[in-house]
C-alpha atoms as a PDB file:
ATOM      1  CA  MET A   1     -18.253  -7.294   8.155  1.00  0.00           C
ATOM      2  CA  PHE A   2     -19.784  -7.188   4.681  1.00  0.00           C
ATOM      3  CA  LEU A   3     -17.395  -5.790   1.373  1.00  0.00           C
ATOM      4  CA  ARG A   4     -19.915  -3.241  -0.386  1.00  0.00           C
ATOM      5  CA  SER A   5     -16.946  -2.594  -2.996  1.00  0.00           C
ATOM      6  CA  ILE A   6     -13.602  -1.869  -3.624  1.00  0.00           C
ATOM      7  CA  ALA A   7     -11.786   0.400  -6.220  1.00  0.00           C
ATOM      8  CA  SER A   8      -8.065   1.913  -6.387  1.00  0.00           C
ATOM      9  CA  ALA A   9      -6.540   4.639  -8.395  1.00  0.00           C
ATOM     10  CA  VAL A  10      -2.797   5.597  -9.587  1.00  0.00           C
ATOM     11  CA  PRO A  11      -1.873   8.725 -10.846  1.00  0.00           C
ATOM     12  CA  PRO A  12      -1.696   9.021 -14.591  1.00  0.00           C
ATOM     13  CA  ASN A  13       1.714   9.193 -15.534  1.00  0.00           C
ATOM     14  CA  SER A  14       2.984   6.061 -15.754  1.00  0.00           C
ATOM     15  CA  PHE A  15       6.921   5.218 -16.502  1.00  0.00           C
ATOM     16  CA  SER A  16       8.579   1.785 -17.096  1.00  0.00           C
ATOM     17  CA  GLN A  17      12.082   0.823 -15.217  1.00  0.00           C
ATOM     18  CA  THR A  18      13.885   1.894 -18.322  1.00  0.00           C
ATOM     19  CA  ASP A  19      12.162   5.366 -18.220  1.00  0.00           C
ATOM     20  CA  CYS A  20      13.595   5.364 -14.501  1.00  0.00           C
ATOM     21  CA  TRP A  21      16.802   4.691 -15.075  1.00  0.00           C
ATOM     22  CA  ASP A  22      17.056   7.008 -18.160  1.00  0.00           C
ATOM     23  CA  ALA A  23      15.549   9.897 -15.851  1.00  0.00           C
ATOM     24  CA  MET A  24      18.531   8.911 -13.369  1.00  0.00           C
ATOM     25  CA  ARG A  25      21.145   8.615 -15.804  1.00  0.00           C
ATOM     26  CA  HIS A  26      20.368  11.871 -17.901  1.00  0.00           C
ATOM     27  CA  GLY A  27      19.297  13.599 -14.637  1.00  0.00           C
ATOM     28  CA  ASP A  28      21.812  14.836 -11.338  1.00  0.00           C
ATOM     29  CA  LEU A  29      21.252  11.928  -9.347  1.00  0.00           C
ATOM     30  CA  LEU A  30      23.948   9.689 -10.306  1.00  0.00           C
ATOM     31  CA  GLY A  31      26.528  12.660  -9.914  1.00  0.00           C
ATOM     32  CA  LYS A  32      24.887  12.445  -5.888  1.00  0.00           C
ATOM     33  CA  VAL A  33      26.368   8.828  -5.995  1.00  0.00           C
ATOM     34  CA  THR A  34      29.399   6.392  -6.194  1.00  0.00           C
ATOM     35  CA  SER A  35      29.838   4.546  -9.278  1.00  0.00           C
ATOM     36  CA  ARG A  36      29.440   1.714  -7.528  1.00  0.00           C
ATOM     37  CA  SER A  37      25.557   2.835  -6.181  1.00  0.00           C
ATOM     38  CA  ALA A  38      25.023   3.442 -10.168  1.00  0.00           C
ATOM     39  CA  VAL A  39      26.167   0.267 -11.426  1.00  0.00           C
ATOM     40  CA  LEU A  40      23.195  -1.347  -8.637  1.00  0.00           C
ATOM     41  CA  LEU A  41      20.743   1.253  -9.782  1.00  0.00           C
ATOM     42  CA  GLU A  42      21.280   0.368 -13.625  1.00  0.00           C
ATOM     43  CA  LYS A  43      21.040  -3.701 -12.651  1.00  0.00           C
ATOM     44  CA  ILE A  44      17.786  -3.367 -10.969  1.00  0.00           C
ATOM     45  CA  LEU A  45      15.993  -0.993 -13.544  1.00  0.00           C
ATOM     46  CA  THR A  46      17.329  -2.353 -17.031  1.00  0.00           C
ATOM     47  CA  GLN A  47      18.096  -6.282 -16.574  1.00  0.00           C
ATOM     48  CA  GLY A  48      14.584  -7.112 -15.920  1.00  0.00           C
ATOM     49  CA  SER A  49      15.172  -8.737 -12.562  1.00  0.00           C
ATOM     50  CA  SER A  50      12.886  -6.480 -10.115  1.00  0.00           C
ATOM     51  CA  GLY A  51       9.770  -8.062 -11.184  1.00  0.00           C
ATOM     52  CA  ILE A  52       8.369  -4.863 -12.148  1.00  0.00           C
ATOM     53  CA  SER A  53       7.169  -3.363 -15.773  1.00  0.00           C
ATOM     54  CA  HIS A  54       5.893   0.087 -14.527  1.00  0.00           C
ATOM     55  CA  ARG A  55       5.462   2.367 -11.930  1.00  0.00           C
ATOM     56  CA  GLN A  56       3.206   5.238 -11.456  1.00  0.00           C
ATOM     57  CA  PHE A  57       4.122   8.566  -9.911  1.00  0.00           C
ATOM     58  CA  ALA A  58       2.434  11.651  -9.061  1.00  0.00           C
ATOM     59  CA  LEU A  59       4.938  13.908 -11.012  1.00  0.00           C
ATOM     60  CA  ASP A  60       5.099  14.837 -14.355  1.00  0.00           C
ATOM     61  CA  SER A  61       9.288  14.009 -14.631  1.00  0.00           C
ATOM     62  CA  ILE A  62      10.930  11.656 -12.482  1.00  0.00           C
ATOM     63  CA  ALA A  63      14.348  13.637 -12.841  1.00  0.00           C
ATOM     64  CA  SER A  64      12.672  16.444 -11.077  1.00  0.00           C
ATOM     65  CA  VAL A  65      12.267  14.787  -7.598  1.00  0.00           C
ATOM     66  CA  PHE A  66      15.634  14.041  -7.016  1.00  0.00           C
ATOM     67  CA  GLY A  67      16.391  17.740  -6.270  1.00  0.00           C
ATOM     68  CA  ARG A  68      13.291  18.543  -4.553  1.00  0.00           C
ATOM     69  CA  CYS A  69      14.066  19.777  -0.429  1.00  0.00           C
ATOM     70  CA  ALA A  70      12.129  18.643   1.851  1.00  0.00           C
ATOM     71  CA  GLN A  71       9.381  21.402   1.684  1.00  0.00           C
ATOM     72  CA  THR A  72       8.843  20.849  -1.651  1.00  0.00           C
ATOM     73  CA  LEU A  73       8.445  16.827  -0.942  1.00  0.00           C
ATOM     74  CA  ASN A  74       5.677  17.744   1.778  1.00  0.00           C
ATOM     75  CA  GLU A  75       4.142  19.700  -0.256  1.00  0.00           C
ATOM     76  CA  GLY A  76       4.114  17.058  -3.310  1.00  0.00           C
ATOM     77  CA  PHE A  77       1.968  14.488  -0.541  1.00  0.00           C
ATOM     78  CA  GLU A  78      -0.401  17.386   0.716  1.00  0.00           C
ATOM     79  CA  GLN A  79      -1.276  17.931  -2.545  1.00  0.00           C
ATOM     80  CA  SER A  80      -1.461  14.288  -4.407  1.00  0.00           C
ATOM     81  CA  ALA A  81      -2.275  12.244  -1.481  1.00  0.00           C
ATOM     82  CA  PRO A  82      -5.926  13.594  -0.811  1.00  0.00           C
ATOM     83  CA  MET A  83      -6.343  13.739  -4.649  1.00  0.00           C
ATOM     84  CA  LEU A  84      -5.721   9.972  -5.005  1.00  0.00           C
ATOM     85  CA  ALA A  85      -7.153   9.061  -1.705  1.00  0.00           C
ATOM     86  CA  ALA A  86     -10.652  10.669  -3.228  1.00  0.00           C
ATOM     87  CA  ALA A  87     -10.400   9.299  -6.844  1.00  0.00           C
ATOM     88  CA  ALA A  88     -10.020   5.723  -5.499  1.00  0.00           C
ATOM     89  CA  LEU A  89     -12.941   6.362  -2.648  1.00  0.00           C
ATOM     90  CA  GLY A  90     -15.359   8.124  -5.650  1.00  0.00           C
ATOM     91  CA  ARG A  91     -15.091   5.081  -7.735  1.00  0.00           C
ATOM     92  CA  ALA A  92     -15.777   2.440  -4.619  1.00  0.00           C
ATOM     93  CA  LEU A  93     -18.961   4.584  -4.171  1.00  0.00           C
ATOM     94  CA  GLU A  94     -19.982   4.596  -7.670  1.00  0.00           C
ATOM     95  CA  LYS A  95     -19.430   0.671  -7.741  1.00  0.00           C
ATOM     96  CA  ALA A  96     -21.615   0.580  -4.668  1.00  0.00           C
ATOM     97  CA  GLY A  97     -24.338   2.830  -6.146  1.00  0.00           C
ATOM     98  CA  MET A  98     -23.729   4.973  -3.118  1.00  0.00           C
ATOM     99  CA  VAL A  99     -22.985   8.614  -2.815  1.00  0.00           C
ATOM    100  CA  PRO A 100     -20.811  10.495  -0.312  1.00  0.00           C
ATOM    101  CA  SER A 101     -23.485  11.219   2.529  1.00  0.00           C
ATOM    102  CA  ASP A 102     -23.984   7.543   2.707  1.00  0.00           C
ATOM    103  CA  ILE A 103     -20.810   7.465   4.716  1.00  0.00           C
ATOM    104  CA  ASP A 104     -20.756   7.431   8.415  1.00  0.00           C
ATOM    105  CA  ALA A 105     -17.219   6.746   8.639  1.00  0.00           C
ATOM    106  CA  LEU A 106     -14.030   7.431   7.112  1.00  0.00           C
ATOM    107  CA  MET A 107     -10.609   5.812   7.790  1.00  0.00           C
ATOM    108  CA  ILE A 108      -7.667   6.691   5.795  1.00  0.00           C
ATOM    109  CA  CYS A 109      -4.033   4.738   6.360  1.00  0.00           C
ATOM    110  CA  THR A 110      -0.792   6.670   5.104  1.00  0.00           C
ATOM    111  CA  CYS A 111       3.052   6.374   6.139  1.00  0.00           C
ATOM    112  CA  THR A 112       4.661   8.527   3.423  1.00  0.00           C
ATOM    113  CA  GLY A 113       3.635  12.035   4.216  1.00  0.00           C
ATOM    114  CA  TYR A 114       1.866  14.256   7.484  1.00  0.00           C
ATOM    115  CA  LEU A 115      -1.142  16.169   7.492  1.00  0.00           C
ATOM    116  CA  CYS A 116      -2.688  17.943  10.337  1.00  0.00           C
ATOM    117  CA  PRO A 117      -5.425  17.831   9.933  1.00  0.00           C
ATOM    118  CA  GLY A 118      -5.140  14.369   8.844  1.00  0.00           C
ATOM    119  CA  VAL A 119      -6.191  13.387   4.968  1.00  0.00           C
ATOM    120  CA  THR A 120      -9.508  12.271   5.733  1.00  0.00           C
ATOM    121  CA  SER A 121     -10.414  16.079   6.403  1.00  0.00           C
ATOM    122  CA  HIS A 122      -9.280  17.034   2.940  1.00  0.00           C
ATOM    123  CA  VAL A 123     -11.026  14.073   1.487  1.00  0.00           C
ATOM    124  CA  ALA A 124     -14.222  14.751   3.144  1.00  0.00           C
ATOM    125  CA  GLN A 125     -14.384  18.079   1.703  1.00  0.00           C
ATOM    126  CA  GLN A 126     -13.715  16.959  -1.789  1.00  0.00           C
ATOM    127  CA  LEU A 127     -16.465  14.572  -1.495  1.00  0.00           C
ATOM    128  CA  GLY A 128     -18.654  16.165   0.353  1.00  0.00           C
ATOM    129  CA  LEU A 129     -19.034  13.871   3.128  1.00  0.00           C
ATOM    130  CA  ARG A 130     -21.993  14.798   6.103  1.00  0.00           C
ATOM    131  CA  ALA A 131     -20.224  17.252   8.544  1.00  0.00           C
ATOM    132  CA  ASP A 132     -21.272  14.462  11.407  1.00  0.00           C
ATOM    133  CA  ALA A 133     -19.103  11.594   9.677  1.00  0.00           C
ATOM    134  CA  TYR A 134     -16.537  10.379  11.717  1.00  0.00           C
ATOM    135  CA  LEU A 135     -12.986  10.908  10.585  1.00  0.00           C
ATOM    136  CA  THR A 136     -10.098   9.199  11.884  1.00  0.00           C
ATOM    137  CA  ASP A 137      -6.749   8.960  10.161  1.00  0.00           C
ATOM    138  CA  LEU A 138      -3.697   6.110  10.808  1.00  0.00           C
ATOM    139  CA  VAL A 139      -0.289   7.273  10.324  1.00  0.00           C
ATOM    140  CA  GLY A 140       2.580   5.410  10.656  1.00  0.00           C
ATOM    141  CA  LEU A 141       1.807   1.602  10.468  1.00  0.00           C
ATOM    142  CA  GLY A 142       3.982   1.273   7.142  1.00  0.00           C
ATOM    143  CA  CYS A 143       3.426  -1.095   4.432  1.00  0.00           C
ATOM    144  CA  GLY A 144       1.011  -3.397   6.289  1.00  0.00           C
ATOM    145  CA  ALA A 145      -1.552  -0.830   7.423  1.00  0.00           C
ATOM    146  CA  ALA A 146      -4.557  -1.972   5.452  1.00  0.00           C
ATOM    147  CA  ILE A 147      -5.628  -4.699   6.910  1.00  0.00           C
ATOM    148  CA  PRO A 148      -5.197  -2.670  10.670  1.00  0.00           C
ATOM    149  CA  VAL A 149      -7.672  -0.259   9.154  1.00  0.00           C
ATOM    150  CA  MET A 150     -10.104  -2.732   8.213  1.00  0.00           C
ATOM    151  CA  ARG A 151     -10.079  -4.236  11.634  1.00  0.00           C
ATOM    152  CA  ALA A 152     -10.719  -0.509  13.293  1.00  0.00           C
ATOM    153  CA  ALA A 153     -13.585  -0.486  10.472  1.00  0.00           C
ATOM    154  CA  LYS A 154     -14.952  -3.635  12.030  1.00  0.00           C
ATOM    155  CA  GLY A 155     -14.776  -2.157  15.485  1.00  0.00           C
ATOM    156  CA  TYR A 156     -16.560   0.902  14.532  1.00  0.00           C
ATOM    157  CA  LEU A 157     -19.426  -1.154  12.741  1.00  0.00           C
ATOM    158  CA  CYS A 158     -19.748  -3.366  16.110  1.00  0.00           C
ATOM    159  CA  SER A 159     -20.416   0.018  17.892  1.00  0.00           C
ATOM    160  CA  HIS A 160     -22.449   1.484  15.481  1.00  0.00           C
ATOM    161  CA  PRO A 161     -24.564  -1.045  13.587  1.00  0.00           C
ATOM    162  CA  GLY A 162     -26.253   0.002  10.421  1.00  0.00           C
ATOM    163  CA  SER A 163     -23.403   2.323   9.559  1.00  0.00           C
ATOM    164  CA  VAL A 164     -21.540   2.662   6.319  1.00  0.00           C
ATOM    165  CA  VAL A 165     -17.632   2.743   6.764  1.00  0.00           C
ATOM    166  CA  ALA A 166     -15.117   3.781   4.176  1.00  0.00           C
ATOM    167  CA  THR A 167     -11.564   2.659   4.338  1.00  0.00           C
ATOM    168  CA  VAL A 168      -8.672   4.171   2.078  1.00  0.00           C
ATOM    169  CA  ALA A 169      -5.008   3.423   1.930  1.00  0.00           C
ATOM    170  CA  VAL A 170      -3.057   5.807   0.189  1.00  0.00           C
ATOM    171  CA  GLU A 171       0.757   6.145  -0.573  1.00  0.00           C
ATOM    172  CA  ILE A 172       2.674   9.034  -2.205  1.00  0.00           C
ATOM    173  CA  CYS A 173       5.894   7.401  -2.311  1.00  0.00           C
ATOM    174  CA  SER A 174       7.356  10.035  -4.422  1.00  0.00           C
ATOM    175  CA  SER A 175       7.660  12.212  -1.772  1.00  0.00           C
ATOM    176  CA  ALA A 176       9.768  10.011   0.519  1.00  0.00           C
ATOM    177  CA  PHE A 177      12.204   9.578  -2.155  1.00  0.00           C
ATOM    178  CA  PHE A 178      15.635  10.067  -0.801  1.00  0.00           C
ATOM    179  CA  VAL A 179      18.956   9.237  -1.944  1.00  0.00           C
ATOM    180  CA  ASP A 180      22.122   8.076  -0.357  1.00  0.00           C
ATOM    181  CA  GLU A 181      24.654   5.035  -0.428  1.00  0.00           C
ATOM    182  CA  ASP A 182      22.790   3.072   1.563  1.00  0.00           C
ATOM    183  CA  PRO A 183      21.884  -0.256  -0.655  1.00  0.00           C
ATOM    184  CA  GLY A 184      18.304  -0.141   0.983  1.00  0.00           C
ATOM    185  CA  VAL A 185      17.546   3.228  -0.389  1.00  0.00           C
ATOM    186  CA  LEU A 186      18.993   2.707  -3.534  1.00  0.00           C
ATOM    187  CA  ILE A 187      16.697  -0.366  -3.818  1.00  0.00           C
ATOM    188  CA  SER A 188      13.886   1.786  -2.539  1.00  0.00           C
ATOM    189  CA  LEU A 189      14.011   4.175  -5.126  1.00  0.00           C
ATOM    190  CA  CYS A 190      13.733   1.050  -7.685  1.00  0.00           C
ATOM    191  CA  LEU A 191      10.658  -0.305  -5.999  1.00  0.00           C
ATOM    192  CA  PHE A 192       8.305   2.077  -4.859  1.00  0.00           C
ATOM    193  CA  SER A 193       5.323   4.092  -6.534  1.00  0.00           C
ATOM    194  CA  ASP A 194       2.015   5.811  -5.833  1.00  0.00           C
ATOM    195  CA  GLY A 195      -1.172   4.688  -5.478  1.00  0.00           C
ATOM    196  CA  ALA A 196      -4.561   4.439  -3.552  1.00  0.00           C
ATOM    197  CA  ALA A 197      -7.447   1.440  -3.067  1.00  0.00           C
ATOM    198  CA  ALA A 198     -10.706   2.417  -1.299  1.00  0.00           C
ATOM    199  CA  ALA A 199     -13.515  -0.181   0.075  1.00  0.00           C
ATOM    200  CA  LEU A 200     -16.597   0.374   1.372  1.00  0.00           C
ATOM    201  CA  TRP A 201     -17.777  -2.101   4.311  1.00  0.00           C
ATOM    202  CA  THR A 202     -21.406  -2.632   6.246  1.00  0.00           C
ATOM    203  CA  ASP A 203     -22.436  -4.633   9.246  1.00  0.00           C
ATOM    204  CA  GLN A 204     -24.928  -6.442   7.211  1.00  0.00           C
ATOM    205  CA  GLY A 205     -25.348  -8.209   3.907  1.00  0.00           C
ATOM    206  CA  ASP A 206     -26.587 -10.321   1.291  1.00  0.00           C
ATOM    207  CA  PRO A 207     -26.241 -14.507   0.947  1.00  0.00           C
ATOM    208  CA  GLY A 208     -22.965 -14.497  -0.741  1.00  0.00           C
ATOM    209  CA  GLN A 209     -21.377 -11.610  -0.313  1.00  0.00           C
ATOM    210  CA  TRP A 210     -17.692 -11.220   0.623  1.00  0.00           C
ATOM    211  CA  GLN A 211     -17.345 -10.813   4.801  1.00  0.00           C
ATOM    212  CA  ALA A 212     -13.766 -10.164   6.421  1.00  0.00           C
ATOM    213  CA  GLY A 213     -13.025 -10.887   9.915  1.00  0.00           C
ATOM    214  CA  HIS A 214     -10.362 -13.397  11.866  1.00  0.00           C
ATOM    215  CA  PHE A 215      -7.756 -10.527  12.031  1.00  0.00           C
ATOM    216  CA  THR A 216      -4.385 -11.592  13.377  1.00  0.00           C
ATOM    217  CA  THR A 217      -1.312  -9.437  14.043  1.00  0.00           C
ATOM    218  CA  ILE A 218       2.066 -10.560  14.811  1.00  0.00           C
ATOM    219  CA  HIS A 219       4.593  -7.720  16.260  1.00  0.00           C
ATOM    220  CA  LEU A 220       8.542  -7.964  16.313  1.00  0.00           C
ATOM    221  CA  PRO A 221       9.540  -4.715  17.848  1.00  0.00           C
ATOM    222  CA  GLU A 222      13.052  -6.152  17.978  1.00  0.00           C
ATOM    223  CA  HIS A 223      13.871  -5.762  14.215  1.00  0.00           C
ATOM    224  CA  ARG A 224      12.131  -2.330  13.887  1.00  0.00           C
ATOM    225  CA  GLU A 225      15.343  -0.789  12.452  1.00  0.00           C
ATOM    226  CA  LYS A 226      15.502  -3.544   9.610  1.00  0.00           C
ATOM    227  CA  ILE A 227      12.467  -1.813   8.237  1.00  0.00           C
ATOM    228  CA  ARG A 228      11.315   1.580   8.940  1.00  0.00           C
ATOM    229  CA  PHE A 229      11.415   5.259   8.296  1.00  0.00           C
ATOM    230  CA  VAL A 230      13.964   7.690   9.523  1.00  0.00           C
ATOM    231  CA  ASN A 231      13.996  11.450   9.775  1.00  0.00           C
ATOM    232  CA  SER A 232      17.092  12.524   7.556  1.00  0.00           C
ATOM    233  CA  ALA A 233      17.541  16.363   7.295  1.00  0.00           C
ATOM    234  CA  GLY A 234      13.724  16.795   7.292  1.00  0.00           C
ATOM    235  CA  LYS A 235      12.923  14.014   4.804  1.00  0.00           C
ATOM    236  CA  LEU A 236      11.882  10.269   4.872  1.00  0.00           C
ATOM    237  CA  LYS A 237      14.482   8.185   4.782  1.00  0.00           C
ATOM    238  CA  ASN A 238      13.601   4.211   3.962  1.00  0.00           C
ATOM    239  CA  GLN A 239      15.469   2.060   6.142  1.00  0.00           C
ATOM    240  CA  LEU A 240      15.500  -1.045   4.399  1.00  0.00           C
ATOM    241  CA  HIS A 241      17.717  -4.422   5.722  1.00  0.00           C
ATOM    242  CA  ARG A 242      18.780  -7.298   3.280  1.00  0.00           C
ATOM    243  CA  SER A 243      16.961  -9.675   5.891  1.00  0.00           C
ATOM    244  CA  VAL A 244      13.791  -8.308   5.287  1.00  0.00           C
ATOM    245  CA  PRO A 245      12.171 -11.030   2.494  1.00  0.00           C
ATOM    246  CA  VAL A 246      13.408 -13.839   5.789  1.00  0.00           C
ATOM    247  CA  LEU A 247      11.920 -12.127   8.120  1.00  0.00           C
ATOM    248  CA  ALA A 248       8.414 -11.217   6.326  1.00  0.00           C
ATOM    249  CA  ALA A 249       8.122 -14.898   5.488  1.00  0.00           C
ATOM    250  CA  GLU A 250       8.583 -15.876   8.848  1.00  0.00           C
ATOM    251  CA  ALA A 251       5.980 -13.297  10.071  1.00  0.00           C
ATOM    252  CA  VAL A 252       3.668 -14.641   7.088  1.00  0.00           C
ATOM    253  CA  SER A 253       4.062 -18.432   8.100  1.00  0.00           C
ATOM    254  CA  GLY A 254       3.328 -17.729  11.832  1.00  0.00           C
ATOM    255  CA  LEU A 255       0.211 -15.871  10.768  1.00  0.00           C
ATOM    256  CA  PHE A 256      -0.939 -18.251   8.493  1.00  0.00           C
ATOM    257  CA  GLU A 257      -0.961 -20.987  11.199  1.00  0.00           C
ATOM    258  CA  MET A 258      -3.608 -19.407  12.857  1.00  0.00           C
ATOM    259  CA  ARG A 259      -5.604 -19.154  10.016  1.00  0.00           C
ATOM    260  CA  SER A 260      -9.651 -20.807  10.483  1.00  0.00           C
ATOM    261  CA  GLY A 261      -9.774 -22.438   7.313  1.00  0.00           C
ATOM    262  CA  ASN A 262      -7.910 -23.296   3.816  1.00  0.00           C
ATOM    263  CA  PRO A 263      -8.490 -20.363   1.352  1.00  0.00           C
ATOM    264  CA  ASP A 264      -8.444 -20.623  -2.526  1.00  0.00           C
ATOM    265  CA  GLN A 265      -6.208 -18.283  -2.560  1.00  0.00           C
ATOM    266  CA  VAL A 266      -3.846 -15.945  -0.516  1.00  0.00           C
ATOM    267  CA  LEU A 267      -3.160 -12.122  -1.327  1.00  0.00           C
ATOM    268  CA  ALA A 268       0.000 -10.670  -0.439  1.00  0.00           C
ATOM    269  CA  HIS A 269       1.576  -6.975   0.038  1.00  0.00           C
ATOM    270  CA  SER A 270       3.558  -6.790  -3.295  1.00  0.00           C
ATOM    271  CA  GLY A 271       6.891  -6.288  -1.107  1.00  0.00           C
ATOM    272  CA  GLY A 272       9.104  -6.582  -3.882  1.00  0.00           C
ATOM    273  CA  ARG A 273      10.274  -9.669  -5.927  1.00  0.00           C
ATOM    274  CA  ASP A 274      12.232 -11.330  -3.063  1.00  0.00           C
ATOM    275  CA  VAL A 275       9.601 -10.708  -0.643  1.00  0.00           C
ATOM    276  CA  ILE A 276       7.299 -12.573  -2.907  1.00  0.00           C
ATOM    277  CA  ASP A 277       9.864 -15.434  -3.769  1.00  0.00           C
ATOM    278  CA  ALA A 278      10.324 -16.152   0.126  1.00  0.00           C
ATOM    279  CA  ILE A 279       6.846 -16.149   0.830  1.00  0.00           C
ATOM    280  CA  GLU A 280       5.969 -18.927  -2.014  1.00  0.00           C
ATOM    281  CA  LYS A 281       8.726 -20.943  -0.502  1.00  0.00           C
ATOM    282  CA  VAL A 282       6.935 -21.152   2.898  1.00  0.00           C
ATOM    283  CA  LEU A 283       3.478 -20.969   1.579  1.00  0.00           C
ATOM    284  CA  PRO A 284       1.385 -23.842  -0.727  1.00  0.00           C
ATOM    285  CA  TYR A 285       0.435 -21.143  -2.940  1.00  0.00           C
ATOM    286  CA  GLN A 286       1.725 -19.104  -5.833  1.00  0.00           C
ATOM    287  CA  LEU A 287       0.879 -15.595  -5.446  1.00  0.00           C
ATOM    288  CA  ALA A 288      -0.200 -14.370  -9.130  1.00  0.00           C
ATOM    289  CA  GLU A 289      -2.358 -11.521  -8.122  1.00  0.00           C
ATOM    290  CA  THR A 290       0.451  -9.916  -5.902  1.00  0.00           C
ATOM    291  CA  ARG A 291       3.195 -10.459  -8.842  1.00  0.00           C
ATOM    292  CA  ALA A 292       0.347  -9.030 -11.592  1.00  0.00           C
ATOM    293  CA  VAL A 293       0.405  -5.932  -8.935  1.00  0.00           C
ATOM    294  CA  LEU A 294       4.267  -5.778  -8.520  1.00  0.00           C
ATOM    295  CA  ASN A 295       4.643  -5.884 -11.949  1.00  0.00           C
ATOM    296  CA  ASP A 296       1.821  -3.268 -13.033  1.00  0.00           C
ATOM    297  CA  HIS A 297       2.471  -0.794 -10.512  1.00  0.00           C
ATOM    298  CA  GLY A 298       5.402  -1.462  -8.246  1.00  0.00           C
ATOM    299  CA  ASN A 299       5.520  -1.507  -4.791  1.00  0.00           C
ATOM    300  CA  MET A 300       2.862   0.978  -3.629  1.00  0.00           C
ATOM    301  CA  SER A 301       3.352   0.389   0.347  1.00  0.00           C
ATOM    302  CA  SER A 302      -0.407  -0.009   1.812  1.00  0.00           C
ATOM    303  CA  PRO A 303      -2.596  -0.166  -0.867  1.00  0.00           C
ATOM    304  CA  SER A 304      -1.081  -2.916  -2.501  1.00  0.00           C
ATOM    305  CA  VAL A 305      -2.551  -5.648  -0.777  1.00  0.00           C
ATOM    306  CA  LEU A 306      -5.971  -4.165  -1.629  1.00  0.00           C
ATOM    307  CA  PHE A 307      -4.928  -3.749  -5.414  1.00  0.00           C
ATOM    308  CA  ALA A 308      -4.354  -7.510  -5.202  1.00  0.00           C
ATOM    309  CA  LEU A 309      -7.946  -8.400  -3.760  1.00  0.00           C
ATOM    310  CA  GLU A 310      -9.409  -5.908  -6.624  1.00  0.00           C
ATOM    311  CA  ARG A 311      -7.813  -7.816  -9.073  1.00  0.00           C
ATOM    312  CA  ARG A 312      -8.546 -11.573  -7.568  1.00  0.00           C
ATOM    313  CA  LEU A 313     -12.592 -10.628  -6.929  1.00  0.00           C
ATOM    314  CA  GLU A 314     -12.346  -9.163 -10.958  1.00  0.00           C
ATOM    315  CA  LEU A 315     -11.110 -12.613 -12.448  1.00  0.00           C
ATOM    316  CA  ARG A 316     -12.348 -15.013 -10.211  1.00  0.00           C
ATOM    317  CA  GLN A 317     -16.012 -15.274  -9.459  1.00  0.00           C
ATOM    318  CA  ASP A 318     -15.738 -19.111  -7.735  1.00  0.00           C
ATOM    319  CA  ASP A 319     -13.840 -18.301  -4.981  1.00  0.00           C
ATOM    320  CA  ARG A 320     -15.138 -18.696  -1.275  1.00  0.00           C
ATOM    321  CA  ARG A 321     -12.395 -18.124   0.751  1.00  0.00           C
ATOM    322  CA  LEU A 322      -9.355 -15.837   0.548  1.00  0.00           C
ATOM    323  CA  TRP A 323      -6.745 -14.794   2.910  1.00  0.00           C
ATOM    324  CA  LEU A 324      -4.776 -11.386   3.049  1.00  0.00           C
ATOM    325  CA  THR A 325      -1.695 -10.710   4.501  1.00  0.00           C
ATOM    326  CA  ALA A 326       0.318  -7.456   4.911  1.00  0.00           C
ATOM    327  CA  PHE A 327       3.650  -6.445   6.375  1.00  0.00           C
ATOM    328  CA  GLY A 328       6.105  -3.913   7.291  1.00  0.00           C
ATOM    329  CA  ALA A 329       7.613  -1.178   9.345  1.00  0.00           C
ATOM    330  CA  GLY A 330       7.905  -2.462  13.264  1.00  0.00           C
ATOM    331  CA  PHE A 331       8.583  -4.881  12.140  1.00  0.00           C
ATOM    332  CA  ALA A 332       4.941  -6.151  12.065  1.00  0.00           C
ATOM    333  CA  ALA A 333       2.435  -8.654   9.804  1.00  0.00           C
ATOM    334  CA  HIS A 334      -1.044  -8.685   9.829  1.00  0.00           C
ATOM    335  CA  ALA A 335      -3.789 -10.891   8.154  1.00  0.00           C
ATOM    336  CA  CYS A 336      -7.528 -11.613   8.108  1.00  0.00           C
ATOM    337  CA  GLU A 337      -9.561 -13.871   6.124  1.00  0.00           C
ATOM    338  CA  MET A 338     -12.668 -13.232   3.579  1.00  0.00           C
ATOM    339  CA  TRP A 339     -15.468 -15.327   3.046  1.00  0.00           C
ATOM    340  CA  ARG A 340     -18.637 -15.650   1.841  1.00  0.00           C
END
């Protein structure tokens, strides 16, 4: 399938890691954790070791989120996810010189909230998609979801030639913030952020246009408990084990062995500094775009790999082949190749 355009969107409010620490320090968060946990938070947020400069949240104030009940967090997702997804898709349409009525199918992935009907219903209404456009929501695939959604788009295009498919990855991680003494939970508070990325795909394209294919996947359910969301008092709690960087690197290395050719660059999900370090140890590539996305936006979960792709396509005009990979809950890892 052929890429017509790709675009991203983040909330307007951007916070430095120091801003985040100040909000925790002056708010009531530190009163909910031990002094040892407070030291861990301060170390990650103030010593510049996270690889993150700024993060964007669908929040006016960071401090306010730590006291929100499950209902308020869910309402934040319901308000912000469709708005951010629609913003990214609107920009992708503008880049492609298309209008919403051109879209035949809309596929959206998310894991940081739940709506029924899904986010697609809200985005279709906001942008004015045709009433007969096919809508499908993929929920629960975690940080790796963007590539399986691309694979689903390819399947739709194979069975509906001549169609235009829009894919969107959107996460409001601030609606899944949770506080307790677990180190994985505390680290999550220092890494995750909000964002959305959209792409438009067709089954026909011009010479030199980017194509996507050769999708591969590895599922390791025996490691499911090491990285997943669990429900705690109605809230989403991120369960994150210290072995995740090594686990991700091993899975990505296995996927890389299945590639059909050598890419000009590898674009990966920006899961965190330790994850990127681990992947660079097993692949012969320096993940510059992936690190830049982490620095500028933090870990946005599923949209992150598409942010890296958008950045690479804007900066490099001489690439001929790219390899994308994303991974997370399951434990699952996914990859695809792009070429022109």
